[in-house]
Amino acid sequence: MTAIGAKPAAGAAMEPVPLTIGLILTILIIAGAFVLTGSSMAIALIGIIIGGLLIGFGVHFVPVGGAPAAMGQAPGIATGVAMLAAGAGLAGLFGGAWAAELGFAVAIAGGAVGGGLMMAITCMMVTLIYVYGMGIPSASGKVAKDPITGDTQTEFKSQGTEGHGLPFVSYVGGVIGGVLGGAGGTLIYLELLHIYETKLPVLLSAPAPEVKTVAISLAGIFAIGMFLVNAVLAAYNITGTTEGPADPKFKRFPRDIIASALASAVCGIVAILLVM
């Protein structure tokens, strides 16, 4: 609970020592991958890290109100950051995995569309529930005007609340977060799938078609696990509710970028060494 109780400032200030240590460790892991596994595996690890960065960055776009949102006392979707991000990421990952055989670009696009579509539908249903079920308008507690539509917010915000509903900028942010998360999760999956399809036939002394199911399963398991790791890191960085890109907490994302890079590097090298 100490991490939550710390309540970091809304700005993007980062402590130089942890930042430097995180960057150095990430670089060392990549360099170690070059030495231990060769250039192709190290390049794959870089792809995994980029996927983790997309996930961590994307989570900061997602509007989450937690329990206060369920009572109409905060904008956003009434659930936790990690749970909502994981839902969008898994939807994107399924879309990308389905399109994996159609090529790299198509698979990434499929993952991005899957994640974005899941968030678009979720935000739409949440808005319907807020407006027609709870009888409350969408109003931000962080900005006087919606940065996209220019609609004023103050006169619609109830006293004693931080706002309520799902302002348009939060809706758009949720879709952007889903797109980034879906693309990032799919990128991790594709990099691991290529490695496992290449290494498992040699490791298991079996024809490639016979181990394809194992490769797909392992790549999916690790991709889902890495998505959850990065989503939880972003949740700790946000600490509580967020309206998405309009929220001052959005400026904290540079800290999460370093944490996501290091965590993805550690998880990625473990996933690679599993078949070396």
C-alpha atoms as a PDB file:
ATOM      1  CA  MET A   1       0.000   0.000   0.000  1.00  0.00           C
ATOM      2  CA  THR A   2       2.972   2.337   0.334  1.00  0.00           C
ATOM      3  CA  ALA A   3       3.192   2.722  -3.444  1.00  0.00           C
ATOM      4  CA  ILE A   4      -0.412   3.860  -3.551  1.00  0.00           C
ATOM      5  CA  GLY A   5      -0.103   6.061  -0.504  1.00  0.00           C
ATOM      6  CA  ALA A   6       2.905   7.888  -1.946  1.00  0.00           C
ATOM      7  CA  LYS A   7       0.664   9.823  -4.374  1.00  0.00           C
ATOM      8  CA  PRO A   8       3.326  10.968  -6.866  1.00  0.00           C
ATOM      9  CA  ALA A   9       2.995  14.435  -8.332  1.00  0.00           C
ATOM     10  CA  ALA A  10       0.982  14.917 -11.483  1.00  0.00           C
ATOM     11  CA  GLY A  11       4.005  16.093 -13.475  1.00  0.00           C
ATOM     12  CA  ALA A  12       6.455  13.996 -15.429  1.00  0.00           C
ATOM     13  CA  ALA A  13       9.428  14.542 -13.098  1.00  0.00           C
ATOM     14  CA  MET A  14      11.619  11.463 -12.749  1.00  0.00           C
ATOM     15  CA  GLU A  15      14.331  10.684 -10.255  1.00  0.00           C
ATOM     16  CA  PRO A  16      17.626  10.614 -12.210  1.00  0.00           C
ATOM     17  CA  VAL A  17      19.174   7.677 -10.330  1.00  0.00           C
ATOM     18  CA  PRO A  18      16.342   5.144 -10.897  1.00  0.00           C
ATOM     19  CA  LEU A  19      16.024   6.392 -14.485  1.00  0.00           C
ATOM     20  CA  THR A  20      19.698   5.825 -15.157  1.00  0.00           C
ATOM     21  CA  ILE A  21      19.740   2.418 -13.479  1.00  0.00           C
ATOM     22  CA  GLY A  22      16.688   1.294 -15.450  1.00  0.00           C
ATOM     23  CA  LEU A  23      18.188   2.379 -18.760  1.00  0.00           C
ATOM     24  CA  ILE A  24      21.547   0.749 -18.007  1.00  0.00           C
ATOM     25  CA  LEU A  25      19.948  -2.545 -16.976  1.00  0.00           C
ATOM     26  CA  THR A  26      17.788  -2.590 -20.116  1.00  0.00           C
ATOM     27  CA  ILE A  27      20.814  -1.981 -22.338  1.00  0.00           C
ATOM     28  CA  LEU A  28      22.815  -4.667 -20.512  1.00  0.00           C
ATOM     29  CA  ILE A  29      20.035  -7.215 -21.022  1.00  0.00           C
ATOM     30  CA  ILE A  30      19.893  -6.426 -24.750  1.00  0.00           C
ATOM     31  CA  ALA A  31      23.684  -6.669 -24.996  1.00  0.00           C
ATOM     32  CA  GLY A  32      23.601  -9.968 -23.123  1.00  0.00           C
ATOM     33  CA  ALA A  33      21.025 -11.261 -25.592  1.00  0.00           C
ATOM     34  CA  PHE A  34      23.402 -10.452 -28.452  1.00  0.00           C
ATOM     35  CA  VAL A  35      26.176 -12.405 -26.746  1.00  0.00           C
ATOM     36  CA  LEU A  36      24.152 -15.388 -25.524  1.00  0.00           C
ATOM     37  CA  THR A  37      21.614 -15.869 -28.310  1.00  0.00           C
ATOM     38  CA  GLY A  38      22.867 -14.042 -31.392  1.00  0.00           C
ATOM     39  CA  SER A  39      21.734 -10.974 -33.275  1.00  0.00           C
ATOM     40  CA  SER A  40      18.405 -12.366 -34.506  1.00  0.00           C
ATOM     41  CA  MET A  41      17.202 -13.151 -30.982  1.00  0.00           C
ATOM     42  CA  ALA A  42      18.420  -9.797 -29.684  1.00  0.00           C
ATOM     43  CA  ILE A  43      16.479  -8.032 -32.426  1.00  0.00           C
ATOM     44  CA  ALA A  44      13.421 -10.046 -31.415  1.00  0.00           C
ATOM     45  CA  LEU A  45      13.989  -8.932 -27.809  1.00  0.00           C
ATOM     46  CA  ILE A  46      14.032  -5.309 -28.956  1.00  0.00           C
ATOM     47  CA  GLY A  47      10.701  -5.946 -30.680  1.00  0.00           C
ATOM     48  CA  ILE A  48       9.321  -7.376 -27.433  1.00  0.00           C
ATOM     49  CA  ILE A  49      10.490  -4.293 -25.538  1.00  0.00           C
ATOM     50  CA  ILE A  50       8.831  -2.005 -28.094  1.00  0.00           C
ATOM     51  CA  GLY A  51       5.620  -3.999 -27.654  1.00  0.00           C
ATOM     52  CA  GLY A  52       5.837  -3.513 -23.894  1.00  0.00           C
ATOM     53  CA  LEU A  53       6.358   0.231 -24.350  1.00  0.00           C
ATOM     54  CA  LEU A  54       3.254   0.454 -26.542  1.00  0.00           C
ATOM     55  CA  ILE A  55       1.256  -1.338 -23.857  1.00  0.00           C
ATOM     56  CA  GLY A  56       2.515   0.833 -21.007  1.00  0.00           C
ATOM     57  CA  PHE A  57       1.984   4.048 -22.958  1.00  0.00           C
ATOM     58  CA  GLY A  58      -1.435   2.946 -24.157  1.00  0.00           C
ATOM     59  CA  VAL A  59      -2.693   2.201 -20.662  1.00  0.00           C
ATOM     60  CA  HIS A  60      -2.288   5.881 -19.754  1.00  0.00           C
ATOM     61  CA  PHE A  61      -4.918   6.788 -22.362  1.00  0.00           C
ATOM     62  CA  VAL A  62      -7.586   4.570 -20.820  1.00  0.00           C
ATOM     63  CA  PRO A  63     -10.199   6.388 -18.651  1.00  0.00           C
ATOM     64  CA  VAL A  64     -10.667   4.545 -15.367  1.00  0.00           C
ATOM     65  CA  GLY A  65     -12.891   5.711 -12.533  1.00  0.00           C
ATOM     66  CA  GLY A  66     -12.892   2.678 -10.254  1.00  0.00           C
ATOM     67  CA  ALA A  67     -15.493   2.498  -7.481  1.00  0.00           C
ATOM     68  CA  PRO A  68     -16.137   6.293  -7.478  1.00  0.00           C
ATOM     69  CA  ALA A  69     -17.231   6.071 -11.135  1.00  0.00           C
ATOM     70  CA  ALA A  70     -19.793   3.422 -10.222  1.00  0.00           C
ATOM     71  CA  MET A  71     -21.374   5.960  -7.880  1.00  0.00           C
ATOM     72  CA  GLY A  72     -21.200   8.785 -10.415  1.00  0.00           C
ATOM     73  CA  GLN A  73     -18.532  10.650  -8.454  1.00  0.00           C
ATOM     74  CA  ALA A  74     -15.638  10.394 -10.934  1.00  0.00           C
ATOM     75  CA  PRO A  75     -15.348  10.200 -14.716  1.00  0.00           C
ATOM     76  CA  GLY A  76     -14.231   7.004 -16.380  1.00  0.00           C
ATOM     77  CA  ILE A  77     -15.118   3.331 -16.493  1.00  0.00           C
ATOM     78  CA  ALA A  78     -15.971   1.707 -13.176  1.00  0.00           C
ATOM     79  CA  THR A  79     -13.165  -0.826 -12.972  1.00  0.00           C
ATOM     80  CA  GLY A  80      -9.430  -1.030 -12.292  1.00  0.00           C
ATOM     81  CA  VAL A  81      -6.685   0.183 -14.628  1.00  0.00           C
ATOM     82  CA  ALA A  82      -5.006  -3.196 -15.032  1.00  0.00           C
ATOM     83  CA  MET A  83      -8.278  -5.096 -15.521  1.00  0.00           C
ATOM     84  CA  LEU A  84      -9.590  -2.752 -18.203  1.00  0.00           C
ATOM     85  CA  ALA A  85      -6.242  -2.578 -20.004  1.00  0.00           C
ATOM     86  CA  ALA A  86      -5.892  -6.349 -19.907  1.00  0.00           C
ATOM     87  CA  GLY A  87      -9.350  -6.740 -21.427  1.00  0.00           C
ATOM     88  CA  ALA A  88      -8.502  -4.440 -24.311  1.00  0.00           C
ATOM     89  CA  GLY A  89      -5.119  -6.080 -24.764  1.00  0.00           C
ATOM     90  CA  LEU A  90      -6.495  -9.604 -24.837  1.00  0.00           C
ATOM     91  CA  ALA A  91      -9.124  -8.610 -27.396  1.00  0.00           C
ATOM     92  CA  GLY A  92      -6.373  -7.122 -29.544  1.00  0.00           C
ATOM     93  CA  LEU A  93      -4.103 -10.099 -29.003  1.00  0.00           C
ATOM     94  CA  PHE A  94      -6.774 -12.521 -30.154  1.00  0.00           C
ATOM     95  CA  GLY A  95      -7.327 -10.432 -33.278  1.00  0.00           C
ATOM     96  CA  GLY A  96      -3.615 -10.269 -34.026  1.00  0.00           C
ATOM     97  CA  ALA A  97      -3.057 -13.971 -33.368  1.00  0.00           C
ATOM     98  CA  TRP A  98      -5.923 -14.854 -35.705  1.00  0.00           C
ATOM     99  CA  ALA A  99      -4.266 -12.813 -38.470  1.00  0.00           C
ATOM    100  CA  ALA A 100      -0.695 -13.994 -37.777  1.00  0.00           C
ATOM    101  CA  GLU A 101      -0.554 -16.157 -40.898  1.00  0.00           C
ATOM    102  CA  LEU A 102      -1.574 -13.214 -43.094  1.00  0.00           C
ATOM    103  CA  GLY A 103       1.676 -11.352 -42.534  1.00  0.00           C
ATOM    104  CA  PHE A 104       3.339  -9.131 -39.949  1.00  0.00           C
ATOM    105  CA  ALA A 105       1.664  -5.851 -40.917  1.00  0.00           C
ATOM    106  CA  VAL A 106      -1.811  -7.376 -41.192  1.00  0.00           C
ATOM    107  CA  ALA A 107      -1.423  -9.087 -37.806  1.00  0.00           C
ATOM    108  CA  ILE A 108      -0.329  -5.868 -36.086  1.00  0.00           C
ATOM    109  CA  ALA A 109      -3.236  -4.018 -37.698  1.00  0.00           C
ATOM    110  CA  GLY A 110      -5.609  -6.780 -36.607  1.00  0.00           C
ATOM    111  CA  GLY A 111      -4.390  -6.517 -33.021  1.00  0.00           C
ATOM    112  CA  ALA A 112      -4.714  -2.728 -33.048  1.00  0.00           C
ATOM    113  CA  VAL A 113      -8.242  -2.875 -34.472  1.00  0.00           C
ATOM    114  CA  GLY A 114      -9.267  -5.584 -31.996  1.00  0.00           C
ATOM    115  CA  GLY A 115      -8.075  -3.607 -28.983  1.00  0.00           C
ATOM    116  CA  GLY A 116      -9.523  -0.335 -30.240  1.00  0.00           C
ATOM    117  CA  LEU A 117     -12.865  -1.919 -31.096  1.00  0.00           C
ATOM    118  CA  MET A 118     -13.158  -3.500 -27.664  1.00  0.00           C
ATOM    119  CA  MET A 119     -12.570  -0.125 -25.983  1.00  0.00           C
ATOM    120  CA  ALA A 120     -14.927   1.701 -28.372  1.00  0.00           C
ATOM    121  CA  ILE A 121     -17.753  -0.719 -27.569  1.00  0.00           C
ATOM    122  CA  THR A 122     -17.002  -0.621 -23.847  1.00  0.00           C
ATOM    123  CA  CYS A 123     -16.981   3.190 -23.755  1.00  0.00           C
ATOM    124  CA  MET A 124     -20.210   3.337 -25.748  1.00  0.00           C
ATOM    125  CA  MET A 125     -22.033   0.963 -23.387  1.00  0.00           C
ATOM    126  CA  VAL A 126     -20.653   2.795 -20.348  1.00  0.00           C
ATOM    127  CA  THR A 127     -21.949   6.095 -21.732  1.00  0.00           C
ATOM    128  CA  LEU A 128     -25.410   4.610 -22.324  1.00  0.00           C
ATOM    129  CA  ILE A 129     -25.504   3.324 -18.739  1.00  0.00           C
ATOM    130  CA  TYR A 130     -24.380   6.657 -17.290  1.00  0.00           C
ATOM    131  CA  VAL A 131     -26.788   8.776 -19.332  1.00  0.00           C
ATOM    132  CA  TYR A 132     -29.876   6.587 -19.495  1.00  0.00           C
ATOM    133  CA  GLY A 133     -29.351   4.328 -16.509  1.00  0.00           C
ATOM    134  CA  MET A 134     -27.983   6.765 -13.920  1.00  0.00           C
ATOM    135  CA  GLY A 135     -29.272   9.991 -15.434  1.00  0.00           C
ATOM    136  CA  ILE A 136     -25.954  11.852 -15.296  1.00  0.00           C
ATOM    137  CA  PRO A 137     -24.200  13.874 -18.014  1.00  0.00           C
ATOM    138  CA  SER A 138     -20.591  13.438 -18.989  1.00  0.00           C
ATOM    139  CA  ALA A 139     -18.474  16.052 -17.234  1.00  0.00           C
ATOM    140  CA  SER A 140     -14.746  16.261 -16.640  1.00  0.00           C
ATOM    141  CA  GLY A 141     -13.337  17.364 -13.324  1.00  0.00           C
ATOM    142  CA  LYS A 142      -9.870  18.056 -14.736  1.00  0.00           C
ATOM    143  CA  VAL A 143     -10.490  20.477 -17.608  1.00  0.00           C
ATOM    144  CA  ALA A 144     -12.893  23.398 -18.089  1.00  0.00           C
ATOM    145  CA  LYS A 145     -13.429  22.525 -21.770  1.00  0.00           C
ATOM    146  CA  ASP A 146     -13.168  19.276 -23.663  1.00  0.00           C
ATOM    147  CA  PRO A 147      -9.888  19.576 -25.630  1.00  0.00           C
ATOM    148  CA  ILE A 148     -11.477  17.943 -28.691  1.00  0.00           C
ATOM    149  CA  THR A 149     -15.040  19.288 -28.874  1.00  0.00           C
ATOM    150  CA  GLY A 150     -14.558  22.511 -26.899  1.00  0.00           C
ATOM    151  CA  ASP A 151     -17.674  21.736 -24.829  1.00  0.00           C
ATOM    152  CA  THR A 152     -17.632  23.358 -21.387  1.00  0.00           C
ATOM    153  CA  GLN A 153     -17.686  21.031 -18.406  1.00  0.00           C
ATOM    154  CA  THR A 154     -18.075  23.011 -15.186  1.00  0.00           C
ATOM    155  CA  GLU A 155     -21.828  23.664 -15.355  1.00  0.00           C
ATOM    156  CA  PHE A 156     -22.531  19.946 -15.796  1.00  0.00           C
ATOM    157  CA  LYS A 157     -20.350  18.775 -12.903  1.00  0.00           C
ATOM    158  CA  SER A 158     -22.199  17.965  -9.682  1.00  0.00           C
ATOM    159  CA  GLN A 159     -20.991  19.466  -6.416  1.00  0.00           C
ATOM    160  CA  GLY A 160     -18.892  17.152  -4.290  1.00  0.00           C
ATOM    161  CA  THR A 161     -17.711  15.089  -7.258  1.00  0.00           C
ATOM    162  CA  GLU A 162     -14.642  15.018  -9.477  1.00  0.00           C
ATOM    163  CA  GLY A 163     -16.920  14.894 -12.496  1.00  0.00           C
ATOM    164  CA  HIS A 164     -18.839  11.919 -13.849  1.00  0.00           C
ATOM    165  CA  GLY A 165     -19.678   9.987 -16.976  1.00  0.00           C
ATOM    166  CA  LEU A 166     -17.308   9.650 -19.907  1.00  0.00           C
ATOM    167  CA  PRO A 167     -16.291  12.960 -21.550  1.00  0.00           C
ATOM    168  CA  PHE A 168     -15.584  12.773 -25.286  1.00  0.00           C
ATOM    169  CA  VAL A 169     -11.837  13.221 -24.857  1.00  0.00           C
ATOM    170  CA  SER A 170     -11.846  10.253 -22.473  1.00  0.00           C
ATOM    171  CA  TYR A 171     -13.785   8.173 -24.998  1.00  0.00           C
ATOM    172  CA  VAL A 172     -11.222   8.955 -27.706  1.00  0.00           C
ATOM    173  CA  GLY A 173      -8.397   8.273 -25.255  1.00  0.00           C
ATOM    174  CA  GLY A 174      -9.846   4.870 -24.446  1.00  0.00           C
ATOM    175  CA  VAL A 175      -9.919   3.909 -28.120  1.00  0.00           C
ATOM    176  CA  ILE A 176      -6.337   5.124 -28.629  1.00  0.00           C
ATOM    177  CA  GLY A 177      -5.225   3.144 -25.581  1.00  0.00           C
ATOM    178  CA  GLY A 178      -6.919   0.026 -26.922  1.00  0.00           C
ATOM    179  CA  VAL A 179      -5.238   0.441 -30.305  1.00  0.00           C
ATOM    180  CA  LEU A 180      -1.777   0.863 -28.770  1.00  0.00           C
ATOM    181  CA  GLY A 181      -2.262  -1.990 -26.307  1.00  0.00           C
ATOM    182  CA  GLY A 182      -3.587  -4.355 -28.954  1.00  0.00           C
ATOM    183  CA  ALA A 183      -0.720  -3.549 -31.315  1.00  0.00           C
ATOM    184  CA  GLY A 184       1.874  -3.914 -28.543  1.00  0.00           C
ATOM    185  CA  GLY A 185       0.538  -7.237 -27.320  1.00  0.00           C
ATOM    186  CA  THR A 186       0.388  -8.577 -30.874  1.00  0.00           C
ATOM    187  CA  LEU A 187       3.970  -7.469 -31.538  1.00  0.00           C
ATOM    188  CA  ILE A 188       5.179  -9.417 -28.503  1.00  0.00           C
ATOM    189  CA  TYR A 189       3.198 -12.467 -29.614  1.00  0.00           C
ATOM    190  CA  LEU A 190       4.566 -12.386 -33.162  1.00  0.00           C
ATOM    191  CA  GLU A 191       8.183 -12.052 -32.034  1.00  0.00           C
ATOM    192  CA  LEU A 192       7.852 -14.980 -29.630  1.00  0.00           C
ATOM    193  CA  LEU A 193       5.922 -17.080 -32.146  1.00  0.00           C
ATOM    194  CA  HIS A 194       8.706 -16.702 -34.708  1.00  0.00           C
ATOM    195  CA  ILE A 195      11.311 -17.734 -32.134  1.00  0.00           C
ATOM    196  CA  TYR A 196       9.365 -20.770 -30.946  1.00  0.00           C
ATOM    197  CA  GLU A 197       8.486 -21.941 -34.445  1.00  0.00           C
ATOM    198  CA  THR A 198      12.186 -21.786 -35.290  1.00  0.00           C
ATOM    199  CA  LYS A 199      13.684 -23.303 -32.136  1.00  0.00           C
ATOM    200  CA  LEU A 200      11.125 -25.841 -30.878  1.00  0.00           C
ATOM    201  CA  PRO A 201      11.467 -28.326 -33.796  1.00  0.00           C
ATOM    202  CA  VAL A 202      15.204 -28.534 -33.069  1.00  0.00           C
ATOM    203  CA  LEU A 203      14.772 -28.622 -29.304  1.00  0.00           C
ATOM    204  CA  LEU A 204      12.090 -31.334 -29.388  1.00  0.00           C
ATOM    205  CA  SER A 205      13.487 -33.193 -32.413  1.00  0.00           C
ATOM    206  CA  ALA A 206      10.076 -33.083 -34.071  1.00  0.00           C
ATOM    207  CA  PRO A 207       8.711 -31.828 -37.396  1.00  0.00           C
ATOM    208  CA  ALA A 208       7.597 -28.204 -37.402  1.00  0.00           C
ATOM    209  CA  PRO A 209       3.883 -28.965 -37.994  1.00  0.00           C
ATOM    210  CA  GLU A 210       3.789 -31.195 -34.914  1.00  0.00           C
ATOM    211  CA  VAL A 211       5.104 -28.508 -32.567  1.00  0.00           C
ATOM    212  CA  LYS A 212       3.195 -25.589 -34.074  1.00  0.00           C
ATOM    213  CA  THR A 213       0.441 -25.846 -31.465  1.00  0.00           C
ATOM    214  CA  VAL A 214       3.044 -25.789 -28.681  1.00  0.00           C
ATOM    215  CA  ALA A 215       4.702 -22.727 -30.221  1.00  0.00           C
ATOM    216  CA  ILE A 216       1.394 -20.882 -30.507  1.00  0.00           C
ATOM    217  CA  SER A 217       0.461 -21.764 -26.906  1.00  0.00           C
ATOM    218  CA  LEU A 218       3.789 -20.673 -25.438  1.00  0.00           C
ATOM    219  CA  ALA A 219       3.818 -17.428 -27.408  1.00  0.00           C
ATOM    220  CA  GLY A 220       0.265 -16.668 -26.274  1.00  0.00           C
ATOM    221  CA  ILE A 221       0.990 -17.442 -22.625  1.00  0.00           C
ATOM    222  CA  PHE A 222       4.066 -15.221 -22.508  1.00  0.00           C
ATOM    223  CA  ALA A 223       2.391 -12.422 -24.475  1.00  0.00           C
ATOM    224  CA  ILE A 224      -0.559 -12.354 -22.078  1.00  0.00           C
ATOM    225  CA  GLY A 225       1.779 -12.464 -19.095  1.00  0.00           C
ATOM    226  CA  MET A 226       3.880  -9.572 -20.391  1.00  0.00           C
ATOM    227  CA  PHE A 227       0.756  -7.563 -21.112  1.00  0.00           C
ATOM    228  CA  LEU A 228      -0.399  -7.972 -17.520  1.00  0.00           C
ATOM    229  CA  VAL A 229       3.040  -7.028 -16.194  1.00  0.00           C
ATOM    230  CA  ASN A 230       3.093  -3.786 -18.175  1.00  0.00           C
ATOM    231  CA  ALA A 231      -0.550  -3.013 -17.350  1.00  0.00           C
ATOM    232  CA  VAL A 232       0.076  -3.380 -13.618  1.00  0.00           C
ATOM    233  CA  LEU A 233       3.185  -1.180 -13.805  1.00  0.00           C
ATOM    234  CA  ALA A 234       1.130   1.512 -15.530  1.00  0.00           C
ATOM    235  CA  ALA A 235      -1.601   1.141 -12.897  1.00  0.00           C
ATOM    236  CA  TYR A 236       0.918   1.789 -10.115  1.00  0.00           C
ATOM    237  CA  ASN A 237       2.218   4.804 -12.031  1.00  0.00           C
ATOM    238  CA  ILE A 238      -1.309   6.235 -12.401  1.00  0.00           C
ATOM    239  CA  THR A 239      -2.307   5.446  -8.788  1.00  0.00           C
ATOM    240  CA  GLY A 240      -6.075   5.548  -8.772  1.00  0.00           C
ATOM    241  CA  THR A 241      -8.525   7.107 -11.203  1.00  0.00           C
ATOM    242  CA  THR A 242      -7.670   8.828 -14.471  1.00  0.00           C
ATOM    243  CA  GLU A 243      -9.604  10.582 -17.217  1.00  0.00           C
ATOM    244  CA  GLY A 244      -7.087   9.586 -19.862  1.00  0.00           C
ATOM    245  CA  PRO A 245      -5.143  12.094 -21.987  1.00  0.00           C
ATOM    246  CA  ALA A 246      -6.905  15.117 -20.409  1.00  0.00           C
ATOM    247  CA  ASP A 247      -5.873  14.070 -16.894  1.00  0.00           C
ATOM    248  CA  PRO A 248      -2.720  15.638 -15.369  1.00  0.00           C
ATOM    249  CA  LYS A 249      -1.666  12.091 -14.405  1.00  0.00           C
ATOM    250  CA  PHE A 250      -1.130  11.382 -18.112  1.00  0.00           C
ATOM    251  CA  LYS A 251       2.117  13.348 -17.844  1.00  0.00           C
ATOM    252  CA  ARG A 252       3.529  10.588 -15.646  1.00  0.00           C
ATOM    253  CA  PHE A 253       3.927   8.203 -18.587  1.00  0.00           C
ATOM    254  CA  PRO A 254       7.714   8.798 -19.071  1.00  0.00           C
ATOM    255  CA  ARG A 255       8.341   7.059 -15.745  1.00  0.00           C
ATOM    256  CA  ASP A 256       6.337   4.071 -16.898  1.00  0.00           C
ATOM    257  CA  ILE A 257       8.250   3.945 -20.189  1.00  0.00           C
ATOM    258  CA  ILE A 258      11.480   3.170 -18.317  1.00  0.00           C
ATOM    259  CA  ALA A 259       9.786   0.624 -16.044  1.00  0.00           C
ATOM    260  CA  SER A 260       8.040  -1.076 -18.984  1.00  0.00           C
ATOM    261  CA  ALA A 261      11.268  -1.252 -20.973  1.00  0.00           C
ATOM    262  CA  LEU A 262      13.128  -2.951 -18.131  1.00  0.00           C
ATOM    263  CA  ALA A 263      10.272  -5.312 -17.227  1.00  0.00           C
ATOM    264  CA  SER A 264       9.753  -6.292 -20.869  1.00  0.00           C
ATOM    265  CA  ALA A 265      13.476  -6.894 -21.290  1.00  0.00           C
ATOM    266  CA  VAL A 266      13.583  -9.199 -18.252  1.00  0.00           C
ATOM    267  CA  CYS A 267      10.445 -11.122 -19.238  1.00  0.00           C
ATOM    268  CA  GLY A 268      11.537 -11.259 -22.863  1.00  0.00           C
ATOM    269  CA  ILE A 269      14.975 -12.705 -22.197  1.00  0.00           C
ATOM    270  CA  VAL A 270      13.429 -15.373 -19.969  1.00  0.00           C
ATOM    271  CA  ALA A 271      10.968 -16.296 -22.712  1.00  0.00           C
ATOM    272  CA  ILE A 272      13.792 -16.506 -25.262  1.00  0.00           C
ATOM    273  CA  LEU A 273      16.220 -18.491 -23.110  1.00  0.00           C
ATOM    274  CA  LEU A 274      13.460 -21.033 -22.509  1.00  0.00           C
ATOM    275  CA  VAL A 275      14.113 -22.543 -25.943  1.00  0.00           C
ATOM    276  CA  MET A 276      17.861 -21.871 -26.320  1.00  0.00           C
END
